[in-house]
Every structure is written in structure tokens, then in C-alpha cells.
Amino acid sequence: MLFGGQHLLIRCCAHILNILVQDGMNIAGNTIELIRDLVRHINSSPSPSRVQAFNEIAERECLDTKAGFVLDIPNRWNSTYAMILEAVKYKIVQKRYAIS
């Protein structure tokens, strides 16, 4: 071993997995940002009117209504994953909400 192994760095599996996920998120960055913007828009209403409008569309599509929506913490990719899963489930509702 070079230098008696003193300068050998071994990355742990979790760190390698995190790097891979971050690279993947960079590829889908624009889409993730669009989802974040929509969730912020719906959740930031001072009155519950935006959530009610979203829920009305969800009911018409036979989906569960929501009290609030998952907004991720950008440096915690597992929360981004949860946000994306919810966005996929409510994809048609989000499209119809954005049009109205």
C-alpha cells in the first residue's frame, strides 16, 4: 500500500448511495422544482381555498382528499422521494388544478 495505508480513504455505502441519488436528482431537477412550486402555491394560501379547489378535483377523480401536501427538505432526499411519490399519485389532479 502506498504510504503505509495512511492516506487511504474508504467511502461508506451510504455516502456512495447519497452521491448517486444527488446526481439523479440533478437530472430531474427542473421537474422536482415544478412540483415544489405547486406544493408551495397550494400550501401557502392564507385561506383554505386552494386546498379546497385541489380536493374538489381529487374527489372528481376518486382520489383521497388532502389536508396538506408533502413539501420536501431539499438536502434530505428521502423527503424529496416522498414528495415525488405523492405527486405521481395526484398527477392528474395537479394538471387539472394548474389549468384551472
PDB file of N, CA and C in Angstrom:
ATOM      1  N   MET A   1       0.843  -1.185   0.000  1.00  0.00           N
ATOM      2  CA  MET A   1       0.000   0.000   0.000  1.00  0.00           C
ATOM      3  C   MET A   1       0.883   1.241   0.000  1.00  0.00           C
ATOM      4  N   LEU A   2       0.401   2.235  -0.718  1.00  0.00           N
ATOM      5  CA  LEU A   2       1.141   3.490  -0.760  1.00  0.00           C
ATOM      6  C   LEU A   2       1.071   4.167   0.601  1.00  0.00           C
ATOM      7  N   PHE A   3       2.152   4.725   1.023  1.00  0.00           N
ATOM      8  CA  PHE A   3       2.257   5.482   2.275  1.00  0.00           C
ATOM      9  C   PHE A   3       1.786   4.671   3.475  1.00  0.00           C
ATOM     10  N   GLY A   4       1.890   3.360   3.411  1.00  0.00           N
ATOM     11  CA  GLY A   4       1.507   2.506   4.529  1.00  0.00           C
ATOM     12  C   GLY A   4       0.010   2.530   4.811  1.00  0.00           C
ATOM     13  N   GLY A   5      -0.800   2.924   3.841  1.00  0.00           N
ATOM     14  CA  GLY A   5      -2.256   2.955   4.003  1.00  0.00           C
ATOM     15  C   GLY A   5      -2.767   4.143   4.799  1.00  0.00           C
ATOM     16  N   GLN A   6      -1.898   5.098   5.137  1.00  0.00           N
ATOM     17  CA  GLN A   6      -2.316   6.238   5.959  1.00  0.00           C
ATOM     18  C   GLN A   6      -3.246   7.194   5.220  1.00  0.00           C
ATOM     19  N   HIS A   7      -3.143   7.264   3.923  1.00  0.00           N
ATOM     20  CA  HIS A   7      -3.952   8.210   3.158  1.00  0.00           C
ATOM     21  C   HIS A   7      -5.049   7.506   2.352  1.00  0.00           C
ATOM     22  N   LEU A   8      -5.382   6.306   2.764  1.00  0.00           N
ATOM     23  CA  LEU A   8      -6.408   5.546   2.088  1.00  0.00           C
ATOM     24  C   LEU A   8      -7.776   5.915   2.663  1.00  0.00           C
ATOM     25  N   LEU A   9      -8.653   6.398   1.807  1.00  0.00           N
ATOM     26  CA  LEU A   9      -9.992   6.770   2.234  1.00  0.00           C
ATOM     27  C   LEU A   9     -10.993   5.785   1.638  1.00  0.00           C
ATOM     28  N   ILE A  10     -11.815   5.228   2.465  1.00  0.00           N
ATOM     29  CA  ILE A  10     -12.847   4.314   2.006  1.00  0.00           C
ATOM     30  C   ILE A  10     -14.187   4.962   2.287  1.00  0.00           C
ATOM     31  N   ARG A  11     -14.951   5.170   1.249  1.00  0.00           N
ATOM     32  CA  ARG A  11     -16.267   5.779   1.415  1.00  0.00           C
ATOM     33  C   ARG A  11     -17.269   4.699   1.808  1.00  0.00           C
ATOM     34  N   CYS A  12     -18.133   5.058   2.688  1.00  0.00           N
ATOM     35  CA  CYS A  12     -19.140   4.087   3.115  1.00  0.00           C
ATOM     36  C   CYS A  12     -20.247   3.985   2.073  1.00  0.00           C
ATOM     37  N   CYS A  13     -20.993   2.911   2.134  1.00  0.00           N
ATOM     38  CA  CYS A  13     -22.066   2.663   1.157  1.00  0.00           C
ATOM     39  C   CYS A  13     -23.120   3.764   1.192  1.00  0.00           C
ATOM     40  N   ALA A  14     -23.441   4.256   2.371  1.00  0.00           N
ATOM     41  CA  ALA A  14     -24.461   5.308   2.476  1.00  0.00           C
ATOM     42  C   ALA A  14     -24.009   6.568   1.756  1.00  0.00           C
ATOM     43  N   HIS A  15     -22.742   6.900   1.858  1.00  0.00           N
ATOM     44  CA  HIS A  15     -22.226   8.094   1.192  1.00  0.00           C
ATOM     45  C   HIS A  15     -22.273   7.913  -0.329  1.00  0.00           C
ATOM     46  N   ILE A  16     -21.896   6.739  -0.798  1.00  0.00           N
ATOM     47  CA  ILE A  16     -21.931   6.463  -2.234  1.00  0.00           C
ATOM     48  C   ILE A  16     -23.372   6.518  -2.740  1.00  0.00           C
ATOM     49  N   LEU A  17     -24.295   5.924  -1.983  1.00  0.00           N
ATOM     50  CA  LEU A  17     -25.709   5.969  -2.362  1.00  0.00           C
ATOM     51  C   LEU A  17     -26.202   7.408  -2.415  1.00  0.00           C
ATOM     52  N   ASN A  18     -25.814   8.224  -1.453  1.00  0.00           N
ATOM     53  CA  ASN A  18     -26.213   9.628  -1.435  1.00  0.00           C
ATOM     54  C   ASN A  18     -25.693  10.365  -2.669  1.00  0.00           C
ATOM     55  N   ILE A  19     -24.481  10.109  -3.060  1.00  0.00           N
ATOM     56  CA  ILE A  19     -23.912  10.746  -4.252  1.00  0.00           C
ATOM     57  C   ILE A  19     -24.699  10.339  -5.500  1.00  0.00           C
ATOM     58  N   LEU A  20     -25.037   9.060  -5.599  1.00  0.00           N
ATOM     59  CA  LEU A  20     -25.812   8.581  -6.748  1.00  0.00           C
ATOM     60  C   LEU A  20     -27.193   9.233  -6.802  1.00  0.00           C
ATOM     61  N   VAL A  21     -27.846   9.309  -5.665  1.00  0.00           N
ATOM     62  CA  VAL A  21     -29.180   9.911  -5.616  1.00  0.00           C
ATOM     63  C   VAL A  21     -29.105  11.392  -5.959  1.00  0.00           C
ATOM     64  N   GLN A  22     -28.116  12.099  -5.431  1.00  0.00           N
ATOM     65  CA  GLN A  22     -27.969  13.521  -5.733  1.00  0.00           C
ATOM     66  C   GLN A  22     -27.752  13.745  -7.225  1.00  0.00           C
ATOM     67  N   ASP A  23     -26.957  12.892  -7.871  1.00  0.00           N
ATOM     68  CA  ASP A  23     -26.753  13.008  -9.318  1.00  0.00           C
ATOM     69  C   ASP A  23     -28.061  12.792 -10.071  1.00  0.00           C
ATOM     70  N   GLY A  24     -28.826  11.793  -9.648  1.00  0.00           N
ATOM     71  CA  GLY A  24     -30.121  11.543 -10.277  1.00  0.00           C
ATOM     72  C   GLY A  24     -31.076  12.702 -10.083  1.00  0.00           C
ATOM     73  N   MET A  25     -31.049  13.302  -8.905  1.00  0.00           N
ATOM     74  CA  MET A  25     -31.917  14.441  -8.634  1.00  0.00           C
ATOM     75  C   MET A  25     -31.510  15.655  -9.453  1.00  0.00           C
ATOM     76  N   ASN A  26     -30.233  15.780  -9.761  1.00  0.00           N
ATOM     77  CA  ASN A  26     -29.794  16.881 -10.620  1.00  0.00           C
ATOM     78  C   ASN A  26     -30.374  16.733 -12.028  1.00  0.00           C
ATOM     79  N   ILE A  27     -30.496  15.490 -12.497  1.00  0.00           N
ATOM     80  CA  ILE A  27     -31.066  15.245 -13.822  1.00  0.00           C
ATOM     81  C   ILE A  27     -32.536  15.644 -13.846  1.00  0.00           C
ATOM     82  N   ALA A  28     -33.260  15.323 -12.769  1.00  0.00           N
ATOM     83  CA  ALA A  28     -34.700  15.617 -12.694  1.00  0.00           C
ATOM     84  C   ALA A  28     -34.971  16.925 -11.971  1.00  0.00           C
ATOM     85  N   GLY A  29     -33.975  17.761 -11.832  1.00  0.00           N
ATOM     86  CA  GLY A  29     -34.080  18.989 -11.040  1.00  0.00           C
ATOM     87  C   GLY A  29     -35.200  19.923 -11.449  1.00  0.00           C
ATOM     88  N   ASN A  30     -35.406  20.114 -12.747  1.00  0.00           N
ATOM     89  CA  ASN A  30     -36.461  21.026 -13.205  1.00  0.00           C
ATOM     90  C   ASN A  30     -37.841  20.515 -12.829  1.00  0.00           C
ATOM     91  N   THR A  31     -38.063  19.233 -13.000  1.00  0.00           N
ATOM     92  CA  THR A  31     -39.353  18.641 -12.654  1.00  0.00           C
ATOM     93  C   THR A  31     -39.599  18.721 -11.152  1.00  0.00           C
ATOM     94  N   ILE A  32     -38.579  18.411 -10.367  1.00  0.00           N
ATOM     95  CA  ILE A  32     -38.699  18.477  -8.909  1.00  0.00           C
ATOM     96  C   ILE A  32     -39.018  19.903  -8.479  1.00  0.00           C
ATOM     97  N   GLU A  33     -38.395  20.870  -9.108  1.00  0.00           N
ATOM     98  CA  GLU A  33     -38.654  22.274  -8.754  1.00  0.00           C
ATOM     99  C   GLU A  33     -40.081  22.683  -9.108  1.00  0.00           C
ATOM    100  N   LEU A  34     -40.611  22.187 -10.222  1.00  0.00           N
ATOM    101  CA  LEU A  34     -42.003  22.464 -10.585  1.00  0.00           C
ATOM    102  C   LEU A  34     -42.970  21.885  -9.540  1.00  0.00           C
ATOM    103  N   ILE A  35     -42.679  20.678  -9.089  1.00  0.00           N
ATOM    104  CA  ILE A  35     -43.520  20.060  -8.048  1.00  0.00           C
ATOM    105  C   ILE A  35     -43.454  20.889  -6.774  1.00  0.00           C
ATOM    106  N   ARG A  36     -42.250  21.293  -6.378  1.00  0.00           N
ATOM    107  CA  ARG A  36     -42.098  22.128  -5.171  1.00  0.00           C
ATOM    108  C   ARG A  36     -42.909  23.414  -5.284  1.00  0.00           C
ATOM    109  N   ASP A  37     -42.815  24.063  -6.447  1.00  0.00           N
ATOM    110  CA  ASP A  37     -43.538  25.322  -6.642  1.00  0.00           C
ATOM    111  C   ASP A  37     -45.042  25.128  -6.511  1.00  0.00           C
ATOM    112  N   LEU A  38     -45.563  24.055  -7.085  1.00  0.00           N
ATOM    113  CA  LEU A  38     -47.000  23.804  -6.994  1.00  0.00           C
ATOM    114  C   LEU A  38     -47.420  23.508  -5.558  1.00  0.00           C
ATOM    115  N   VAL A  39     -46.639  22.701  -4.856  1.00  0.00           N
ATOM    116  CA  VAL A  39     -46.959  22.380  -3.458  1.00  0.00           C
ATOM    117  C   VAL A  39     -46.900  23.645  -2.601  1.00  0.00           C
ATOM    118  N   ARG A  40     -45.897  24.467  -2.814  1.00  0.00           N
ATOM    119  CA  ARG A  40     -45.808  25.734  -2.065  1.00  0.00           C
ATOM    120  C   ARG A  40     -47.014  26.618  -2.361  1.00  0.00           C
ATOM    121  N   HIS A  41     -47.397  26.684  -3.635  1.00  0.00           N
ATOM    122  CA  HIS A  41     -48.540  27.512  -4.030  1.00  0.00           C
ATOM    123  C   HIS A  41     -49.814  27.053  -3.320  1.00  0.00           C
ATOM    124  N   ILE A  42     -50.063  25.764  -3.312  1.00  0.00           N
ATOM    125  CA  ILE A  42     -51.276  25.235  -2.684  1.00  0.00           C
ATOM    126  C   ILE A  42     -51.232  25.407  -1.176  1.00  0.00           C
ATOM    127  N   ASN A  43     -50.099  25.107  -0.555  1.00  0.00           N
ATOM    128  CA  ASN A  43     -49.991  25.165   0.908  1.00  0.00           C
ATOM    129  C   ASN A  43     -49.907  26.587   1.453  1.00  0.00           C
ATOM    130  N   SER A  44     -49.488  27.550   0.640  1.00  0.00           N
ATOM    131  CA  SER A  44     -49.225  28.894   1.161  1.00  0.00           C
ATOM    132  C   SER A  44     -50.450  29.792   1.191  1.00  0.00           C
ATOM    133  N   SER A  45     -51.579  29.304   0.766  1.00  0.00           N
ATOM    134  CA  SER A  45     -52.782  30.124   0.751  1.00  0.00           C
ATOM    135  C   SER A  45     -53.206  30.480   2.170  1.00  0.00           C
ATOM    136  N   PRO A  46     -53.474  31.766   2.447  1.00  0.00           N
ATOM    137  CA  PRO A  46     -53.908  32.147   3.798  1.00  0.00           C
ATOM    138  C   PRO A  46     -55.277  31.565   4.135  1.00  0.00           C
ATOM    139  N   SER A  47     -56.090  31.353   3.135  1.00  0.00           N
ATOM    140  CA  SER A  47     -57.379  30.688   3.353  1.00  0.00           C
ATOM    141  C   SER A  47     -57.278  29.285   2.761  1.00  0.00           C
ATOM    142  N   PRO A  48     -58.141  28.399   3.173  1.00  0.00           N
ATOM    143  CA  PRO A  48     -58.053  27.028   2.655  1.00  0.00           C
ATOM    144  C   PRO A  48     -58.612  26.855   1.239  1.00  0.00           C
ATOM    145  N   SER A  49     -58.829  27.949   0.518  1.00  0.00           N
ATOM    146  CA  SER A  49     -59.479  27.870  -0.792  1.00  0.00           C
ATOM    147  C   SER A  49     -58.675  27.066  -1.816  1.00  0.00           C
ATOM    148  N   ARG A  50     -57.364  27.188  -1.828  1.00  0.00           N
ATOM    149  CA  ARG A  50     -56.557  26.444  -2.801  1.00  0.00           C
ATOM    150  C   ARG A  50     -56.602  24.957  -2.514  1.00  0.00           C
ATOM    151  N   VAL A  51     -56.506  24.605  -1.240  1.00  0.00           N
ATOM    152  CA  VAL A  51     -56.582  23.193  -0.865  1.00  0.00           C
ATOM    153  C   VAL A  51     -57.970  22.646  -1.187  1.00  0.00           C
ATOM    154  N   GLN A  52     -59.005  23.449  -0.945  1.00  0.00           N
ATOM    155  CA  GLN A  52     -60.370  23.014  -1.259  1.00  0.00           C
ATOM    156  C   GLN A  52     -60.546  22.802  -2.756  1.00  0.00           C
ATOM    157  N   ALA A  53     -60.023  23.694  -3.556  1.00  0.00           N
ATOM    158  CA  ALA A  53     -60.116  23.550  -5.014  1.00  0.00           C
ATOM    159  C   ALA A  53     -59.397  22.281  -5.470  1.00  0.00           C
ATOM    160  N   PHE A  54     -58.223  22.030  -4.896  1.00  0.00           N
ATOM    161  CA  PHE A  54     -57.471  20.821  -5.221  1.00  0.00           C
ATOM    162  C   PHE A  54     -58.263  19.583  -4.809  1.00  0.00           C
ATOM    163  N   ASN A  55     -58.846  19.623  -3.615  1.00  0.00           N
ATOM    164  CA  ASN A  55     -59.604  18.478  -3.107  1.00  0.00           C
ATOM    165  C   ASN A  55     -60.860  18.211  -3.929  1.00  0.00           C
ATOM    166  N   GLU A  56     -61.490  19.249  -4.443  1.00  0.00           N
ATOM    167  CA  GLU A  56     -62.665  19.061  -5.296  1.00  0.00           C
ATOM    168  C   GLU A  56     -62.288  18.296  -6.564  1.00  0.00           C
ATOM    169  N   ILE A  57     -61.157  18.644  -7.135  1.00  0.00           N
ATOM    170  CA  ILE A  57     -60.679  17.934  -8.321  1.00  0.00           C
ATOM    171  C   ILE A  57     -60.332  16.489  -7.951  1.00  0.00           C
ATOM    172  N   ALA A  58     -59.694  16.296  -6.812  1.00  0.00           N
ATOM    173  CA  ALA A  58     -59.328  14.950  -6.364  1.00  0.00           C
ATOM    174  C   ALA A  58     -60.572  14.082  -6.165  1.00  0.00           C
ATOM    175  N   GLU A  59     -61.612  14.652  -5.586  1.00  0.00           N
ATOM    176  CA  GLU A  59     -62.854  13.903  -5.386  1.00  0.00           C
ATOM    177  C   GLU A  59     -63.465  13.484  -6.720  1.00  0.00           C
ATOM    178  N   ARG A  60     -63.442  14.373  -7.703  1.00  0.00           N
ATOM    179  CA  ARG A  60     -63.966  14.037  -9.027  1.00  0.00           C
ATOM    180  C   ARG A  60     -63.173  12.903  -9.676  1.00  0.00           C
ATOM    181  N   GLU A  61     -61.891  12.804  -9.311  1.00  0.00           N
ATOM    182  CA  GLU A  61     -61.023  11.749  -9.856  1.00  0.00           C
ATOM    183  C   GLU A  61     -60.998  10.512  -8.963  1.00  0.00           C
ATOM    184  N   CYS A  62     -61.854  10.491  -7.938  1.00  0.00           N
ATOM    185  CA  CYS A  62     -61.957   9.361  -6.995  1.00  0.00           C
ATOM    186  C   CYS A  62     -60.650   9.113  -6.237  1.00  0.00           C
ATOM    187  N   LEU A  63     -59.971  10.183  -5.870  1.00  0.00           N
ATOM    188  CA  LEU A  63     -58.757  10.105  -5.062  1.00  0.00           C
ATOM    189  C   LEU A  63     -59.038  10.677  -3.677  1.00  0.00           C
ATOM    190  N   ASP A  64     -58.211  10.301  -2.722  1.00  0.00           N
ATOM    191  CA  ASP A  64     -58.347  10.827  -1.369  1.00  0.00           C
ATOM    192  C   ASP A  64     -58.106  12.330  -1.362  1.00  0.00           C
ATOM    193  N   THR A  65     -58.810  13.024  -0.473  1.00  0.00           N
ATOM    194  CA  THR A  65     -58.565  14.452  -0.313  1.00  0.00           C
ATOM    195  C   THR A  65     -57.396  14.639   0.641  1.00  0.00           C
ATOM    196  N   LYS A  66     -56.793  15.802   0.585  1.00  0.00           N
ATOM    197  CA  LYS A  66     -55.599  16.076   1.384  1.00  0.00           C
ATOM    198  C   LYS A  66     -55.826  17.289   2.269  1.00  0.00           C
ATOM    199  N   ALA A  67     -55.301  17.224   3.496  1.00  0.00           N
ATOM    200  CA  ALA A  67     -55.334  18.383   4.386  1.00  0.00           C
ATOM    201  C   ALA A  67     -54.132  19.281   4.100  1.00  0.00           C
ATOM    202  N   GLY A  68     -53.044  18.685   3.711  1.00  0.00           N
ATOM    203  CA  GLY A  68     -51.823  19.405   3.367  1.00  0.00           C
ATOM    204  C   GLY A  68     -50.997  18.522   2.454  1.00  0.00           C
ATOM    205  N   PHE A  69     -50.006  19.078   1.844  1.00  0.00           N
ATOM    206  CA  PHE A  69     -49.215  18.332   0.888  1.00  0.00           C
ATOM    207  C   PHE A  69     -47.774  18.252   1.355  1.00  0.00           C
ATOM    208  N   VAL A  70     -47.113  17.192   0.939  1.00  0.00           N
ATOM    209  CA  VAL A  70     -45.734  16.949   1.349  1.00  0.00           C
ATOM    210  C   VAL A  70     -44.820  17.895   0.586  1.00  0.00           C
ATOM    211  N   LEU A  71     -44.094  18.721   1.319  1.00  0.00           N
ATOM    212  CA  LEU A  71     -43.054  19.561   0.732  1.00  0.00           C
ATOM    213  C   LEU A  71     -41.728  19.047   1.256  1.00  0.00           C
ATOM    214  N   ASP A  72     -40.825  18.809   0.355  1.00  0.00           N
ATOM    215  CA  ASP A  72     -39.559  18.201   0.752  1.00  0.00           C
ATOM    216  C   ASP A  72     -38.615  19.183   1.416  1.00  0.00           C
ATOM    217  N   ILE A  73     -37.603  18.617   2.026  1.00  0.00           N
ATOM    218  CA  ILE A  73     -36.460  19.369   2.534  1.00  0.00           C
ATOM    219  C   ILE A  73     -35.339  19.036   1.545  1.00  0.00           C
ATOM    220  N   PRO A  74     -34.920  20.005   0.722  1.00  0.00           N
ATOM    221  CA  PRO A  74     -34.036  19.690  -0.404  1.00  0.00           C
ATOM    222  C   PRO A  74     -32.772  18.906  -0.067  1.00  0.00           C
ATOM    223  N   ASN A  75     -32.208  19.069   1.103  1.00  0.00           N
ATOM    224  CA  ASN A  75     -30.980  18.323   1.412  1.00  0.00           C
ATOM    225  C   ASN A  75     -31.267  16.963   2.044  1.00  0.00           C
ATOM    226  N   ARG A  76     -32.533  16.585   2.135  1.00  0.00           N
ATOM    227  CA  ARG A  76     -32.923  15.250   2.609  1.00  0.00           C
ATOM    228  C   ARG A  76     -33.662  14.557   1.476  1.00  0.00           C
ATOM    229  N   TRP A  77     -32.927  13.749   0.725  1.00  0.00           N
ATOM    230  CA  TRP A  77     -33.507  13.181  -0.483  1.00  0.00           C
ATOM    231  C   TRP A  77     -34.652  12.230  -0.197  1.00  0.00           C
ATOM    232  N   ASN A  78     -34.728  11.645   0.997  1.00  0.00           N
ATOM    233  CA  ASN A  78     -35.861  10.766   1.278  1.00  0.00           C
ATOM    234  C   ASN A  78     -37.166  11.567   1.361  1.00  0.00           C
ATOM    235  N   SER A  79     -37.091  12.833   1.778  1.00  0.00           N
ATOM    236  CA  SER A  79     -38.297  13.662   1.787  1.00  0.00           C
ATOM    237  C   SER A  79     -38.670  14.074   0.359  1.00  0.00           C
ATOM    238  N   THR A  80     -37.677  14.246  -0.497  1.00  0.00           N
ATOM    239  CA  THR A  80     -37.951  14.530  -1.906  1.00  0.00           C
ATOM    240  C   THR A  80     -38.621  13.326  -2.547  1.00  0.00           C
ATOM    241  N   TYR A  81     -38.184  12.145  -2.186  1.00  0.00           N
ATOM    242  CA  TYR A  81     -38.796  10.911  -2.689  1.00  0.00           C
ATOM    243  C   TYR A  81     -40.269  10.843  -2.281  1.00  0.00           C
ATOM    244  N   ALA A  82     -40.574  11.171  -1.025  1.00  0.00           N
ATOM    245  CA  ALA A  82     -41.963  11.160  -0.548  1.00  0.00           C
ATOM    246  C   ALA A  82     -42.800  12.182  -1.315  1.00  0.00           C
ATOM    247  N   MET A  83     -42.233  13.346  -1.577  1.00  0.00           N
ATOM    248  CA  MET A  83     -42.943  14.385  -2.324  1.00  0.00           C
ATOM    249  C   MET A  83     -43.237  13.908  -3.753  1.00  0.00           C
ATOM    250  N   ILE A  84     -42.263  13.260  -4.385  1.00  0.00           N
ATOM    251  CA  ILE A  84     -42.439  12.769  -5.752  1.00  0.00           C
ATOM    252  C   ILE A  84     -43.494  11.665  -5.796  1.00  0.00           C
ATOM    253  N   LEU A  85     -43.486  10.760  -4.811  1.00  0.00           N
ATOM    254  CA  LEU A  85     -44.495   9.698  -4.776  1.00  0.00           C
ATOM    255  C   LEU A  85     -45.902  10.281  -4.700  1.00  0.00           C
ATOM    256  N   GLU A  86     -46.077  11.286  -3.864  1.00  0.00           N
ATOM    257  CA  GLU A  86     -47.380  11.931  -3.749  1.00  0.00           C
ATOM    258  C   GLU A  86     -47.743  12.641  -5.049  1.00  0.00           C
ATOM    259  N   ALA A  87     -46.772  13.272  -5.677  1.00  0.00           N
ATOM    260  CA  ALA A  87     -47.030  13.981  -6.934  1.00  0.00           C
ATOM    261  C   ALA A  87     -47.450  13.013  -8.029  1.00  0.00           C
ATOM    262  N   VAL A  88     -46.862  11.838  -8.054  1.00  0.00           N
ATOM    263  CA  VAL A  88     -47.238  10.840  -9.054  1.00  0.00           C
ATOM    264  C   VAL A  88     -48.672  10.372  -8.814  1.00  0.00           C
ATOM    265  N   LYS A  89     -49.024  10.154  -7.550  1.00  0.00           N
ATOM    266  CA  LYS A  89     -50.369   9.703  -7.212  1.00  0.00           C
ATOM    267  C   LYS A  89     -51.414  10.737  -7.642  1.00  0.00           C
ATOM    268  N   TYR A  90     -51.105  12.015  -7.480  1.00  0.00           N
ATOM    269  CA  TYR A  90     -52.046  13.092  -7.770  1.00  0.00           C
ATOM    270  C   TYR A  90     -51.718  13.818  -9.075  1.00  0.00           C
ATOM    271  N   LYS A  91     -51.057  13.140  -9.989  1.00  0.00           N
ATOM    272  CA  LYS A  91     -50.605  13.769 -11.231  1.00  0.00           C
ATOM    273  C   LYS A  91     -51.761  14.395 -12.011  1.00  0.00           C
ATOM    274  N   ILE A  92     -52.822  13.649 -12.217  1.00  0.00           N
ATOM    275  CA  ILE A  92     -53.956  14.164 -12.994  1.00  0.00           C
ATOM    276  C   ILE A  92     -54.615  15.342 -12.286  1.00  0.00           C
ATOM    277  N   VAL A  93     -54.664  15.281 -10.966  1.00  0.00           N
ATOM    278  CA  VAL A  93     -55.266  16.375 -10.188  1.00  0.00           C
ATOM    279  C   VAL A  93     -54.402  17.626 -10.315  1.00  0.00           C
ATOM    280  N   GLN A  94     -53.097  17.463 -10.246  1.00  0.00           N
ATOM    281  CA  GLN A  94     -52.193  18.600 -10.368  1.00  0.00           C
ATOM    282  C   GLN A  94     -52.314  19.247 -11.740  1.00  0.00           C
ATOM    283  N   LYS A  95     -52.431  18.443 -12.771  1.00  0.00           N
ATOM    284  CA  LYS A  95     -52.577  19.000 -14.118  1.00  0.00           C
ATOM    285  C   LYS A  95     -53.865  19.801 -14.233  1.00  0.00           C
ATOM    286  N   ARG A  96     -54.945  19.230 -13.731  1.00  0.00           N
ATOM    287  CA  ARG A  96     -56.237  19.930 -13.821  1.00  0.00           C
ATOM    288  C   ARG A  96     -56.259  21.170 -12.950  1.00  0.00           C
ATOM    289  N   TYR A  97     -55.593  21.120 -11.791  1.00  0.00           N
ATOM    290  CA  TYR A  97     -55.524  22.301 -10.912  1.00  0.00           C
ATOM    291  C   TYR A  97     -54.728  23.401 -11.611  1.00  0.00           C
ATOM    292  N   ALA A  98     -53.622  23.044 -12.252  1.00  0.00           N
ATOM    293  CA  ALA A  98     -52.774  24.041 -12.923  1.00  0.00           C
ATOM    294  C   ALA A  98     -53.524  24.711 -14.079  1.00  0.00           C
ATOM    295  N   ILE A  99     -54.396  23.968 -14.752  1.00  0.00           N
ATOM    296  CA  ILE A  99     -55.151  24.518 -15.876  1.00  0.00           C
ATOM    297  C   ILE A  99     -56.224  25.476 -15.389  1.00  0.00           C
ATOM    298  N   SER A 100     -56.854  25.150 -14.237  1.00  0.00           N
ATOM    299  CA  SER A 100     -57.966  25.995 -13.758  1.00  0.00           C
ATOM    300  C   SER A 100     -57.504  27.270 -13.116  1.00  0.00           C
TER     301      SER A 100
END
